[in-house]
Amino acid sequence: MTDPVVGLTGTLTSPIRGAGTLGEVLVAIRGGTELYIARAEEPLAIGTTVLVVAAYPGRVVDVVAWIPLPGDR
């Protein structure tokens, strides 16, 4: 079963400085917001909107930068 956070978007609340480093992402889920530890292959700044692409035990998620297409908002 897929974790319900996969496929959701969130906002980085602490930066990811590069592959192998961790940041934090705030995701709207289950009627509220929750913080997850975020990993990415590239540096991402605070405030970047990201897409959660994988979830692991310990509230760790893999993210990629998300740029909505026109009409996706």
N, C-alpha and C. Protein backbone atom coordinates (compact mmCIF):
# COMPACT_ATOMS: atom_id res chain seq x y z
N MET A 1 0.84 -1.18 0.00
CA MET A 1 0.00 0.00 0.00
C MET A 1 0.89 1.24 0.00
N THR A 2 0.51 2.25 -0.78
CA THR A 2 1.27 3.48 -0.89
C THR A 2 0.93 4.39 0.29
N ASP A 3 1.94 5.04 0.84
CA ASP A 3 1.73 6.00 1.91
C ASP A 3 0.90 7.16 1.37
N PRO A 4 -0.09 7.66 2.13
CA PRO A 4 -0.95 8.73 1.62
C PRO A 4 -0.24 10.05 1.35
N VAL A 5 0.97 10.23 1.83
CA VAL A 5 1.70 11.48 1.58
C VAL A 5 2.31 11.50 0.18
N VAL A 6 2.52 10.33 -0.42
CA VAL A 6 3.10 10.28 -1.77
C VAL A 6 2.12 10.90 -2.77
N GLY A 7 2.63 11.81 -3.57
CA GLY A 7 1.81 12.50 -4.56
C GLY A 7 1.29 13.85 -4.10
N LEU A 8 1.48 14.17 -2.82
CA LEU A 8 1.07 15.47 -2.30
C LEU A 8 2.20 16.48 -2.48
N THR A 9 1.83 17.76 -2.45
CA THR A 9 2.84 18.81 -2.50
C THR A 9 2.99 19.42 -1.12
N GLY A 10 4.13 20.04 -0.90
CA GLY A 10 4.40 20.71 0.37
C GLY A 10 5.37 21.84 0.15
N THR A 11 5.72 22.52 1.24
CA THR A 11 6.63 23.65 1.20
C THR A 11 7.82 23.37 2.11
N LEU A 12 9.02 23.57 1.60
CA LEU A 12 10.21 23.35 2.44
C LEU A 12 10.28 24.41 3.53
N THR A 13 10.46 23.94 4.77
CA THR A 13 10.61 24.85 5.91
C THR A 13 12.06 24.94 6.36
N SER A 14 12.90 24.05 5.86
CA SER A 14 14.36 24.17 6.01
C SER A 14 14.97 23.67 4.71
N PRO A 15 16.10 24.23 4.30
CA PRO A 15 16.64 23.92 2.98
C PRO A 15 17.24 22.52 2.91
N ILE A 16 17.29 22.00 1.69
CA ILE A 16 18.05 20.79 1.38
C ILE A 16 19.27 21.29 0.63
N ARG A 17 20.43 21.11 1.20
CA ARG A 17 21.65 21.72 0.64
C ARG A 17 22.28 20.89 -0.47
N GLY A 18 21.78 19.67 -0.70
CA GLY A 18 22.30 18.82 -1.76
C GLY A 18 22.01 17.37 -1.47
N ALA A 19 22.37 16.50 -2.41
CA ALA A 19 22.17 15.06 -2.23
C ALA A 19 22.87 14.60 -0.95
N GLY A 20 22.19 13.78 -0.18
CA GLY A 20 22.76 13.27 1.07
C GLY A 20 22.50 14.15 2.27
N THR A 21 21.86 15.30 2.07
CA THR A 21 21.52 16.17 3.20
C THR A 21 20.01 16.17 3.39
N LEU A 22 19.58 16.59 4.56
CA LEU A 22 18.16 16.55 4.91
C LEU A 22 17.61 17.94 5.15
N GLY A 23 16.33 18.11 4.85
CA GLY A 23 15.60 19.33 5.16
C GLY A 23 14.26 18.93 5.76
N GLU A 24 13.34 19.88 5.86
CA GLU A 24 12.00 19.60 6.36
C GLU A 24 10.97 20.14 5.38
N VAL A 25 9.87 19.40 5.25
CA VAL A 25 8.78 19.83 4.37
C VAL A 25 7.48 19.78 5.15
N LEU A 26 6.67 20.82 4.98
CA LEU A 26 5.35 20.91 5.61
C LEU A 26 4.32 20.52 4.55
N VAL A 27 3.54 19.47 4.87
CA VAL A 27 2.57 18.92 3.92
C VAL A 27 1.17 19.01 4.53
N ALA A 28 0.20 19.47 3.73
CA ALA A 28 -1.20 19.46 4.16
C ALA A 28 -1.74 18.04 3.94
N ILE A 29 -2.13 17.38 5.04
CA ILE A 29 -2.58 15.99 4.98
C ILE A 29 -3.50 15.71 6.16
N ARG A 30 -4.47 14.84 5.94
CA ARG A 30 -5.39 14.40 7.00
C ARG A 30 -6.09 15.57 7.70
N GLY A 31 -6.44 16.60 6.97
CA GLY A 31 -7.16 17.73 7.55
C GLY A 31 -6.31 18.69 8.34
N GLY A 32 -5.00 18.55 8.28
CA GLY A 32 -4.09 19.45 8.99
C GLY A 32 -2.80 19.56 8.20
N THR A 33 -1.72 19.93 8.90
CA THR A 33 -0.40 19.95 8.28
C THR A 33 0.55 19.15 9.14
N GLU A 34 1.49 18.49 8.49
CA GLU A 34 2.48 17.68 9.20
C GLU A 34 3.85 17.92 8.62
N LEU A 35 4.87 17.86 9.49
CA LEU A 35 6.26 18.00 9.06
C LEU A 35 6.86 16.63 8.76
N TYR A 36 7.62 16.57 7.70
CA TYR A 36 8.36 15.36 7.32
C TYR A 36 9.81 15.74 7.10
N ILE A 37 10.70 14.80 7.28
CA ILE A 37 12.11 14.98 6.93
C ILE A 37 12.21 14.74 5.43
N ALA A 38 12.83 15.66 4.72
CA ALA A 38 12.86 15.61 3.26
C ALA A 38 14.27 15.40 2.73
N ARG A 39 14.34 14.60 1.65
CA ARG A 39 15.59 14.38 0.93
C ARG A 39 15.36 14.71 -0.55
N ALA A 40 16.40 15.18 -1.22
CA ALA A 40 16.32 15.46 -2.66
C ALA A 40 17.69 15.24 -3.27
N GLU A 41 17.70 15.08 -4.57
CA GLU A 41 18.96 14.88 -5.29
C GLU A 41 19.67 16.20 -5.59
N GLU A 42 18.96 17.31 -5.44
CA GLU A 42 19.54 18.62 -5.77
C GLU A 42 19.24 19.59 -4.64
N PRO A 43 20.01 20.66 -4.54
CA PRO A 43 19.74 21.67 -3.52
C PRO A 43 18.38 22.33 -3.77
N LEU A 44 17.63 22.57 -2.68
CA LEU A 44 16.34 23.24 -2.75
C LEU A 44 16.26 24.23 -1.59
N ALA A 45 15.80 25.44 -1.87
CA ALA A 45 15.76 26.52 -0.89
C ALA A 45 14.49 26.46 -0.03
N ILE A 46 14.57 27.12 1.13
CA ILE A 46 13.38 27.30 1.97
C ILE A 46 12.29 27.96 1.12
N GLY A 47 11.06 27.50 1.29
CA GLY A 47 9.94 28.07 0.57
C GLY A 47 9.65 27.41 -0.76
N THR A 48 10.53 26.52 -1.22
CA THR A 48 10.30 25.82 -2.49
C THR A 48 9.11 24.89 -2.36
N THR A 49 8.23 24.90 -3.35
CA THR A 49 7.13 23.94 -3.40
C THR A 49 7.68 22.65 -3.98
N VAL A 50 7.40 21.54 -3.32
CA VAL A 50 7.93 20.25 -3.73
C VAL A 50 6.82 19.22 -3.84
N LEU A 51 7.08 18.17 -4.62
CA LEU A 51 6.19 17.03 -4.76
C LEU A 51 6.82 15.85 -4.05
N VAL A 52 6.06 15.17 -3.20
CA VAL A 52 6.55 13.99 -2.50
C VAL A 52 6.47 12.80 -3.45
N VAL A 53 7.62 12.16 -3.72
CA VAL A 53 7.66 11.06 -4.68
C VAL A 53 7.87 9.70 -4.03
N ALA A 54 8.28 9.67 -2.76
CA ALA A 54 8.46 8.40 -2.04
C ALA A 54 8.43 8.68 -0.55
N ALA A 55 8.00 7.68 0.23
CA ALA A 55 7.96 7.81 1.69
C ALA A 55 8.59 6.58 2.33
N TYR A 56 9.25 6.80 3.46
CA TYR A 56 9.98 5.75 4.17
C TYR A 56 9.63 5.81 5.66
N PRO A 57 9.92 4.74 6.39
CA PRO A 57 9.68 4.79 7.85
C PRO A 57 10.44 5.95 8.50
N GLY A 58 9.89 6.45 9.59
CA GLY A 58 10.53 7.55 10.30
C GLY A 58 10.16 8.91 9.75
N ARG A 59 9.08 8.97 8.97
CA ARG A 59 8.59 10.24 8.41
C ARG A 59 9.61 10.89 7.48
N VAL A 60 10.34 10.07 6.73
CA VAL A 60 11.31 10.55 5.74
C VAL A 60 10.67 10.44 4.36
N VAL A 61 10.78 11.50 3.57
CA VAL A 61 10.23 11.50 2.21
C VAL A 61 11.26 11.98 1.21
N ASP A 62 11.16 11.48 -0.02
CA ASP A 62 11.94 12.00 -1.13
C ASP A 62 11.07 13.01 -1.86
N VAL A 63 11.66 14.14 -2.23
CA VAL A 63 10.91 15.20 -2.89
C VAL A 63 11.64 15.69 -4.14
N VAL A 64 10.87 16.30 -5.04
CA VAL A 64 11.43 16.99 -6.20
C VAL A 64 10.75 18.35 -6.29
N ALA A 65 11.43 19.32 -6.87
CA ALA A 65 10.82 20.64 -7.05
C ALA A 65 9.58 20.48 -7.92
N TRP A 66 8.51 21.21 -7.57
CA TRP A 66 7.24 21.11 -8.29
C TRP A 66 6.89 22.48 -8.85
N ILE A 67 6.73 22.51 -10.17
CA ILE A 67 6.33 23.74 -10.85
C ILE A 67 5.01 23.43 -11.54
N PRO A 68 3.91 24.01 -11.05
CA PRO A 68 2.60 23.69 -11.63
C PRO A 68 2.47 24.21 -13.06
N LEU A 69 1.77 23.44 -13.86
CA LEU A 69 1.45 23.89 -15.21
C LEU A 69 0.25 24.82 -15.13
N PRO A 70 0.05 25.67 -16.10
CA PRO A 70 -1.14 26.54 -16.07
C PRO A 70 -2.40 25.70 -15.92
N GLY A 71 -3.25 26.09 -15.00
CA GLY A 71 -4.49 25.35 -14.75
C GLY A 71 -4.37 24.29 -13.68
N ASP A 72 -3.16 24.02 -13.16
CA ASP A 72 -2.97 22.99 -12.13
C ASP A 72 -3.12 23.55 -10.72
N ARG A 73 -3.35 24.81 -10.55
CA ARG A 73 -3.41 25.38 -9.22
C ARG A 73 -4.73 25.13 -8.66
